[in-house]
C-alpha atoms as a PDB file:
ATOM      1  CA  UNK A   1      -6.061 -24.350 -11.016  1.00  0.00           C
ATOM      2  CA  UNK A   2      -6.210 -27.937 -12.068  1.00  0.00           C
ATOM      3  CA  UNK A   3      -9.127 -30.018 -11.414  1.00  0.00           C
ATOM      4  CA  UNK A   4     -11.559 -26.750 -11.897  1.00  0.00           C
ATOM      5  CA  UNK A   5     -14.551 -26.248 -14.058  1.00  0.00           C
ATOM      6  CA  UNK A   6     -14.199 -23.233 -16.411  1.00  0.00           C
ATOM      7  CA  UNK A   7     -16.836 -20.856 -18.169  1.00  0.00           C
ATOM      8  CA  UNK A   8     -17.180 -17.612 -20.048  1.00  0.00           C
ATOM      9  CA  UNK A   9     -19.198 -14.680 -18.612  1.00  0.00           C
ATOM     10  CA  UNK A  10     -20.018 -11.968 -21.508  1.00  0.00           C
ATOM     11  CA  UNK A  11     -18.670  -8.476 -20.648  1.00  0.00           C
ATOM     12  CA  UNK A  12     -18.689  -5.597 -23.136  1.00  0.00           C
ATOM     13  CA  UNK A  13     -15.914  -5.101 -25.206  1.00  0.00           C
ATOM     14  CA  UNK A  14     -14.634  -2.369 -23.362  1.00  0.00           C
ATOM     15  CA  UNK A  15     -14.048  -4.227 -19.892  1.00  0.00           C
ATOM     16  CA  UNK A  16     -12.674  -7.317 -22.023  1.00  0.00           C
ATOM     17  CA  UNK A  17     -10.186  -4.567 -23.383  1.00  0.00           C
ATOM     18  CA  UNK A  18      -9.270  -3.431 -19.272  1.00  0.00           C
ATOM     19  CA  UNK A  19      -9.253  -7.131 -18.264  1.00  0.00           C
ATOM     20  CA  UNK A  20      -6.420  -7.387 -20.842  1.00  0.00           C
ATOM     21  CA  UNK A  21      -4.627  -4.663 -20.537  1.00  0.00           C
ATOM     22  CA  UNK A  22      -4.327  -5.536 -16.382  1.00  0.00           C
ATOM     23  CA  UNK A  23      -3.412  -9.144 -17.507  1.00  0.00           C
ATOM     24  CA  UNK A  24      -0.183  -7.471 -19.419  1.00  0.00           C
ATOM     25  CA  UNK A  25       0.607  -4.807 -16.667  1.00  0.00           C
ATOM     26  CA  UNK A  26       0.557  -7.173 -13.941  1.00  0.00           C
ATOM     27  CA  UNK A  27       1.628 -10.653 -15.895  1.00  0.00           C
ATOM     28  CA  UNK A  28      -1.712 -12.377 -13.835  1.00  0.00           C
ATOM     29  CA  UNK A  29      -4.215 -14.459 -15.510  1.00  0.00           C
ATOM     30  CA  UNK A  30      -7.834 -12.720 -16.439  1.00  0.00           C
ATOM     31  CA  UNK A  31      -9.560 -15.411 -13.916  1.00  0.00           C
ATOM     32  CA  UNK A  32      -7.152 -14.188 -10.847  1.00  0.00           C
ATOM     33  CA  UNK A  33      -7.510 -10.053 -11.757  1.00  0.00           C
ATOM     34  CA  UNK A  34     -11.408 -11.253 -11.880  1.00  0.00           C
ATOM     35  CA  UNK A  35     -11.226 -12.810  -8.311  1.00  0.00           C
ATOM     36  CA  UNK A  36      -9.181  -9.728  -7.242  1.00  0.00           C
ATOM     37  CA  UNK A  37     -11.315  -7.014  -8.816  1.00  0.00           C
ATOM     38  CA  UNK A  38     -14.607  -9.129  -7.233  1.00  0.00           C
ATOM     39  CA  UNK A  39     -12.651  -9.534  -3.836  1.00  0.00           C
ATOM     40  CA  UNK A  40     -11.787  -5.839  -3.466  1.00  0.00           C
ATOM     41  CA  UNK A  41     -15.505  -5.005  -4.584  1.00  0.00           C
ATOM     42  CA  UNK A  42     -16.992  -7.197  -1.546  1.00  0.00           C
ATOM     43  CA  UNK A  43     -15.096  -5.247   0.722  1.00  0.00           C
ATOM     44  CA  UNK A  44     -15.694  -2.397  -0.128  1.00  0.00           C
ATOM     45  CA  UNK A  45     -18.905  -3.351   0.412  1.00  0.00           C
ATOM     46  CA  UNK A  46     -18.783  -4.637   3.889  1.00  0.00           C
ATOM     47  CA  UNK A  47     -16.612  -1.892   4.888  1.00  0.00           C
ATOM     48  CA  UNK A  48     -18.182   0.980   3.330  1.00  0.00           C
ATOM     49  CA  UNK A  49     -19.179   2.460   6.635  1.00  0.00           C
ATOM     50  CA  UNK A  50     -15.961   2.828   7.670  1.00  0.00           C
ATOM     51  CA  UNK A  51     -14.957   5.632   5.385  1.00  0.00           C
ATOM     52  CA  UNK A  52     -18.180   7.766   6.060  1.00  0.00           C
ATOM     53  CA  UNK A  53     -15.902   9.864   8.217  1.00  0.00           C
ATOM     54  CA  UNK A  54     -14.382  12.064   5.254  1.00  0.00           C
ATOM     55  CA  UNK A  55     -11.764  13.628   7.620  1.00  0.00           C
ATOM     56  CA  UNK A  56     -10.245  10.533   9.101  1.00  0.00           C
ATOM     57  CA  UNK A  57     -10.267   9.102   5.470  1.00  0.00           C
ATOM     58  CA  UNK A  58      -8.811  12.400   4.251  1.00  0.00           C
ATOM     59  CA  UNK A  59      -5.815  13.007   7.299  1.00  0.00           C
ATOM     60  CA  UNK A  60      -4.981   8.962   6.672  1.00  0.00           C
ATOM     61  CA  UNK A  61      -4.269   9.720   2.783  1.00  0.00           C
ATOM     62  CA  UNK A  62      -2.723  12.736   3.392  1.00  0.00           C
ATOM     63  CA  UNK A  63      -0.412  11.078   6.166  1.00  0.00           C
ATOM     64  CA  UNK A  64       0.657   8.220   4.088  1.00  0.00           C
ATOM     65  CA  UNK A  65       1.349  10.215   0.702  1.00  0.00           C
ATOM     66  CA  UNK A  66       3.637  11.908   3.293  1.00  0.00           C
ATOM     67  CA  UNK A  67       5.601   8.804   4.177  1.00  0.00           C
ATOM     68  CA  UNK A  68       5.533   7.620   0.764  1.00  0.00           C
ATOM     69  CA  UNK A  69       6.683  11.035  -0.728  1.00  0.00           C
ATOM     70  CA  UNK A  70       9.496  10.999   1.776  1.00  0.00           C
ATOM     71  CA  UNK A  71      10.715   7.314   1.599  1.00  0.00           C
ATOM     72  CA  UNK A  72      10.743   8.056  -2.761  1.00  0.00           C
ATOM     73  CA  UNK A  73      13.280  10.808  -1.815  1.00  0.00           C
ATOM     74  CA  UNK A  74      14.871   9.162   0.662  1.00  0.00           C
ATOM     75  CA  UNK A  75      15.654   6.368  -1.746  1.00  0.00           C
ATOM     76  CA  UNK A  76      16.277   9.255  -4.571  1.00  0.00           C
ATOM     77  CA  UNK A  77      19.165  11.253  -2.535  1.00  0.00           C
ATOM     78  CA  UNK A  78      20.086   8.347  -0.071  1.00  0.00           C
ATOM     79  CA  UNK A  79      22.218  10.362   2.307  1.00  0.00           C
ATOM     80  CA  UNK A  80      22.349  11.434   5.817  1.00  0.00           C
ATOM     81  CA  UNK A  81      20.345  14.404   5.195  1.00  0.00           C
ATOM     82  CA  UNK A  82      17.735  12.901   3.346  1.00  0.00           C
ATOM     83  CA  UNK A  83      17.552   9.866   6.148  1.00  0.00           C
ATOM     84  CA  UNK A  84      17.132  12.685   8.686  1.00  0.00           C
ATOM     85  CA  UNK A  85      14.170  14.426   6.942  1.00  0.00           C
ATOM     86  CA  UNK A  86      12.752  11.016   6.390  1.00  0.00           C
ATOM     87  CA  UNK A  87      12.727   9.762  10.069  1.00  0.00           C
ATOM     88  CA  UNK A  88      11.052  12.566  11.482  1.00  0.00           C
ATOM     89  CA  UNK A  89       8.505  12.668   8.840  1.00  0.00           C
ATOM     90  CA  UNK A  90       7.950   8.959  10.228  1.00  0.00           C
ATOM     91  CA  UNK A  91       8.347  10.432  13.719  1.00  0.00           C
ATOM     92  CA  UNK A  92       5.450  12.465  12.868  1.00  0.00           C
ATOM     93  CA  UNK A  93       3.223  10.067  11.357  1.00  0.00           C
ATOM     94  CA  UNK A  94       3.759   7.633  14.569  1.00  0.00           C
ATOM     95  CA  UNK A  95       3.163  10.599  17.085  1.00  0.00           C
ATOM     96  CA  UNK A  96       0.087  12.121  15.277  1.00  0.00           C
ATOM     97  CA  UNK A  97      -1.413   8.519  14.400  1.00  0.00           C
ATOM     98  CA  UNK A  98      -0.754   6.687  17.267  1.00  0.00           C
ATOM     99  CA  UNK A  99       0.993   3.730  15.311  1.00  0.00           C
ATOM    100  CA  UNK A 100       4.720   2.493  15.652  1.00  0.00           C
ATOM    101  CA  UNK A 101       6.744   1.497  13.080  1.00  0.00           C
ATOM    102  CA  UNK A 102       9.727   0.475  14.220  1.00  0.00           C
ATOM    103  CA  UNK A 103      10.596  -1.698  11.193  1.00  0.00           C
ATOM    104  CA  UNK A 104      11.201   1.335   8.990  1.00  0.00           C
ATOM    105  CA  UNK A 105      14.416   2.799  11.050  1.00  0.00           C
ATOM    106  CA  UNK A 106      16.889  -0.083  10.677  1.00  0.00           C
ATOM    107  CA  UNK A 107      15.797  -0.735   6.861  1.00  0.00           C
ATOM    108  CA  UNK A 108      16.351   2.602   6.327  1.00  0.00           C
ATOM    109  CA  UNK A 109      19.317   2.427   8.333  1.00  0.00           C
ATOM    110  CA  UNK A 110      21.175  -0.668   6.256  1.00  0.00           C
ATOM    111  CA  UNK A 111      19.770   1.598   3.114  1.00  0.00           C
ATOM    112  CA  UNK A 112      21.585   4.756   4.370  1.00  0.00           C
ATOM    113  CA  UNK A 113      24.940   2.120   4.364  1.00  0.00           C
ATOM    114  CA  UNK A 114      24.510  -0.287   1.161  1.00  0.00           C
ATOM    115  CA  UNK A 115      21.911   1.088  -1.472  1.00  0.00           C
ATOM    116  CA  UNK A 116      21.147  -2.269  -3.630  1.00  0.00           C
ATOM    117  CA  UNK A 117      17.746  -4.213  -4.893  1.00  0.00           C
ATOM    118  CA  UNK A 118      17.917  -6.564  -1.700  1.00  0.00           C
ATOM    119  CA  UNK A 119      17.764  -3.225   0.790  1.00  0.00           C
ATOM    120  CA  UNK A 120      15.599  -1.103  -1.239  1.00  0.00           C
ATOM    121  CA  UNK A 121      12.657  -4.054  -1.092  1.00  0.00           C
ATOM    122  CA  UNK A 122      13.349  -4.782   2.452  1.00  0.00           C
ATOM    123  CA  UNK A 123      12.817  -0.809   2.939  1.00  0.00           C
ATOM    124  CA  UNK A 124       9.772  -0.553   0.820  1.00  0.00           C
ATOM    125  CA  UNK A 125       8.362  -3.502   2.859  1.00  0.00           C
ATOM    126  CA  UNK A 126       8.977  -1.906   5.604  1.00  0.00           C
ATOM    127  CA  UNK A 127       6.649   0.778   4.650  1.00  0.00           C
ATOM    128  CA  UNK A 128       4.190  -0.728   3.332  1.00  0.00           C
ATOM    129  CA  UNK A 129       3.710  -2.632   7.181  1.00  0.00           C
ATOM    130  CA  UNK A 130       3.857   0.846   8.598  1.00  0.00           C
ATOM    131  CA  UNK A 131       1.034   1.790   6.248  1.00  0.00           C
ATOM    132  CA  UNK A 132      -1.257  -1.379   6.864  1.00  0.00           C
ATOM    133  CA  UNK A 133      -0.766  -0.604  10.516  1.00  0.00           C
ATOM    134  CA  UNK A 134      -2.218   2.756   9.748  1.00  0.00           C
ATOM    135  CA  UNK A 135      -5.225   1.211   7.939  1.00  0.00           C
ATOM    136  CA  UNK A 136      -6.000  -1.283  10.461  1.00  0.00           C
ATOM    137  CA  UNK A 137      -6.397   1.530  13.070  1.00  0.00           C
ATOM    138  CA  UNK A 138      -8.401   3.163  10.979  1.00  0.00           C
ATOM    139  CA  UNK A 139     -10.252   1.115  10.523  1.00  0.00           C
ATOM    140  CA  UNK A 140     -10.861  -0.088  13.935  1.00  0.00           C
ATOM    141  CA  UNK A 141     -11.216   3.034  15.255  1.00  0.00           C
ATOM    142  CA  UNK A 142     -14.067   3.565  12.647  1.00  0.00           C
ATOM    143  CA  UNK A 143     -16.207   0.125  14.289  1.00  0.00           C
ATOM    144  CA  UNK A 144     -15.189  -2.419  12.248  1.00  0.00           C
END
């Protein structure tokens, strides 16, 4: 951040240690971690009303967990049977939560055809896109 003016802030030793730990794990600068944490906190304050309906949040968490677990199993056991089971979960998530995740099927099929780093990454990004849609839908339904 060239041209920025810098300052310091006092924090308890435990907080500084946590920042150092996260910095080592993520490779990000301390100021980036603080900025991201503040942004996340601000967002949570603005949208805390969205998560007041525990049942919707619980349902969303369940289906995201189910989707991710199924995707992980498919990546571990990349075969036709695990592909079919994974796609059943995708269809279940789409039908029950009313969100389409059409980008998942072609990326899963590509991974089934050729399991390499590029295809795994593309598959992961398609899962992430679907999860974002699920979260956005829940926020919209909560009055966001």
